[in-house]
Amino acid sequence: MRGPPIWTKTLDIQSQFANCRGNLGYRICDRSEPWGVPKLDQRIVALEERLQRLKQRHRRSKARRRTRGSRRSRQDEARKRDLVGAVILATVAQGKLEELVLRGWL
């Protein structure tokens, strides 16, 4: 029967502790798996997965924001072009600008 994990100070003799994980300068050596270490490992894995999901969600949110911004700027540019075109056509209709000059610009 195996006992609880042994906490040892990290030394240069790391080959003796090949099955150990680092933890703030100390190493926990797994002498027996049923002693709560798997629960910590499972929790770490679950938290890392959650972190990855949250990062992915954040990346998608930023991409949506960028898409929305670029769509809005394209719409603004199209609106400006339409307004300028309408103003130019109105000046041609009023006779303030000759149609030949307009054709020359195009």
Protein backbone atom coordinates (compact mmCIF):
# COMPACT_ATOMS: atom_id res chain seq x y z
CA MET A 1 0.00 0.00 0.00
CA ARG A 2 1.30 3.40 -0.93
CA GLY A 3 1.19 6.47 1.27
CA PRO A 4 0.48 10.12 0.54
CA PRO A 5 2.65 12.13 -1.86
CA ILE A 6 6.04 13.26 -0.62
CA TRP A 7 6.86 16.98 -0.75
CA THR A 8 10.55 17.56 -1.37
CA LYS A 9 12.57 20.70 -1.97
CA THR A 10 13.71 20.99 -5.60
CA LEU A 11 17.32 19.92 -5.95
CA ASP A 12 19.67 19.27 -8.83
CA ILE A 13 19.00 15.55 -8.57
CA GLN A 14 15.99 15.71 -10.81
CA SER A 15 16.55 12.27 -12.27
CA GLN A 16 15.34 10.78 -8.97
CA PHE A 17 12.09 12.67 -9.35
CA ALA A 18 11.22 11.87 -12.95
CA ASN A 19 7.55 11.33 -12.08
CA CYS A 20 7.20 14.63 -10.20
CA ARG A 21 5.57 17.95 -11.07
CA GLY A 22 6.93 21.36 -10.06
CA ASN A 23 4.97 23.57 -7.68
CA LEU A 24 6.55 26.86 -6.50
CA GLY A 25 9.99 25.46 -5.89
CA TYR A 26 8.68 22.20 -4.45
CA ARG A 27 8.00 18.99 -6.22
CA ILE A 28 5.19 16.60 -5.52
CA CYS A 29 6.07 13.03 -6.27
CA ASP A 30 3.22 10.73 -7.13
CA ARG A 31 3.70 7.71 -4.94
CA SER A 32 0.03 6.90 -5.21
CA GLU A 33 -2.50 8.24 -7.67
CA PRO A 34 -5.63 7.89 -5.46
CA TRP A 35 -4.42 10.56 -3.00
CA GLY A 36 -6.11 13.61 -4.52
CA VAL A 37 -3.54 14.45 -7.17
CA PRO A 38 -5.81 13.24 -10.00
CA LYS A 39 -8.51 15.60 -8.75
CA LEU A 40 -6.09 18.50 -9.00
CA ASP A 41 -4.93 17.31 -12.41
CA GLN A 42 -8.52 17.01 -13.59
CA ARG A 43 -9.30 20.46 -12.25
CA ILE A 44 -6.24 21.93 -13.96
CA VAL A 45 -7.22 20.29 -17.25
CA ALA A 46 -10.80 21.52 -16.89
CA LEU A 47 -9.66 25.06 -16.12
CA GLU A 48 -7.23 25.03 -19.05
CA GLU A 49 -10.04 23.85 -21.36
CA ARG A 50 -12.30 26.60 -20.02
CA LEU A 51 -9.56 29.15 -20.58
CA GLN A 52 -9.17 28.00 -24.18
CA ARG A 53 -12.93 28.22 -24.73
CA LEU A 54 -13.01 31.74 -23.27
CA LYS A 55 -10.05 32.80 -25.42
CA GLN A 56 -11.78 31.42 -28.52
CA ARG A 57 -14.99 33.23 -27.56
CA HIS A 58 -13.03 36.46 -27.12
CA ARG A 59 -11.32 36.03 -30.52
CA ARG A 60 -14.70 35.48 -32.19
CA SER A 61 -16.13 38.53 -30.45
CA LYS A 62 -13.22 40.68 -31.64
CA ALA A 63 -13.62 39.33 -35.19
CA ARG A 64 -17.34 40.17 -35.14
CA ARG A 65 -16.53 43.67 -33.91
CA ARG A 66 -13.98 44.15 -36.71
CA THR A 67 -16.44 42.83 -39.29
CA ARG A 68 -19.15 45.14 -38.01
CA GLY A 69 -16.78 48.11 -38.12
CA SER A 70 -15.59 47.41 -41.66
CA ARG A 71 -19.17 46.87 -42.86
CA ARG A 72 -20.20 50.17 -41.29
CA SER A 73 -17.29 52.01 -42.93
CA ARG A 74 -18.16 50.52 -46.35
CA GLN A 75 -21.77 51.60 -45.90
CA ASP A 76 -20.63 55.11 -44.94
CA GLU A 77 -18.41 55.32 -48.03
CA ALA A 78 -21.25 54.14 -50.26
CA ARG A 79 -23.55 56.71 -48.69
CA LYS A 80 -20.99 59.46 -49.35
CA ARG A 81 -20.59 58.38 -52.97
CA ASP A 82 -24.35 58.39 -53.47
CA LEU A 83 -24.71 61.84 -51.92
CA VAL A 84 -21.87 63.32 -53.97
CA GLY A 85 -23.32 61.78 -57.12
CA ALA A 86 -26.75 63.16 -56.29
CA VAL A 87 -25.31 66.63 -55.71
CA ILE A 88 -23.41 66.56 -59.00
CA LEU A 89 -26.47 65.35 -60.91
CA ALA A 90 -28.54 68.09 -59.26
CA THR A 91 -26.02 70.75 -60.33
CA VAL A 92 -26.15 69.40 -63.89
CA ALA A 93 -29.96 69.43 -63.77
CA GLN A 94 -29.93 73.04 -62.53
CA GLY A 95 -27.60 74.01 -65.34
CA LYS A 96 -24.77 75.11 -63.05
CA LEU A 97 -22.54 72.42 -64.55
CA GLU A 98 -22.46 71.38 -68.15
CA GLU A 99 -23.12 67.76 -68.97
CA LEU A 100 -20.07 67.65 -71.24
CA VAL A 101 -17.84 68.61 -68.32
CA LEU A 102 -19.39 65.82 -66.28
CA ARG A 103 -18.82 63.35 -69.14
CA GLY A 104 -15.21 64.54 -69.30
CA TRP A 105 -14.73 63.69 -65.62
CA LEU A 106 -16.03 60.19 -66.19
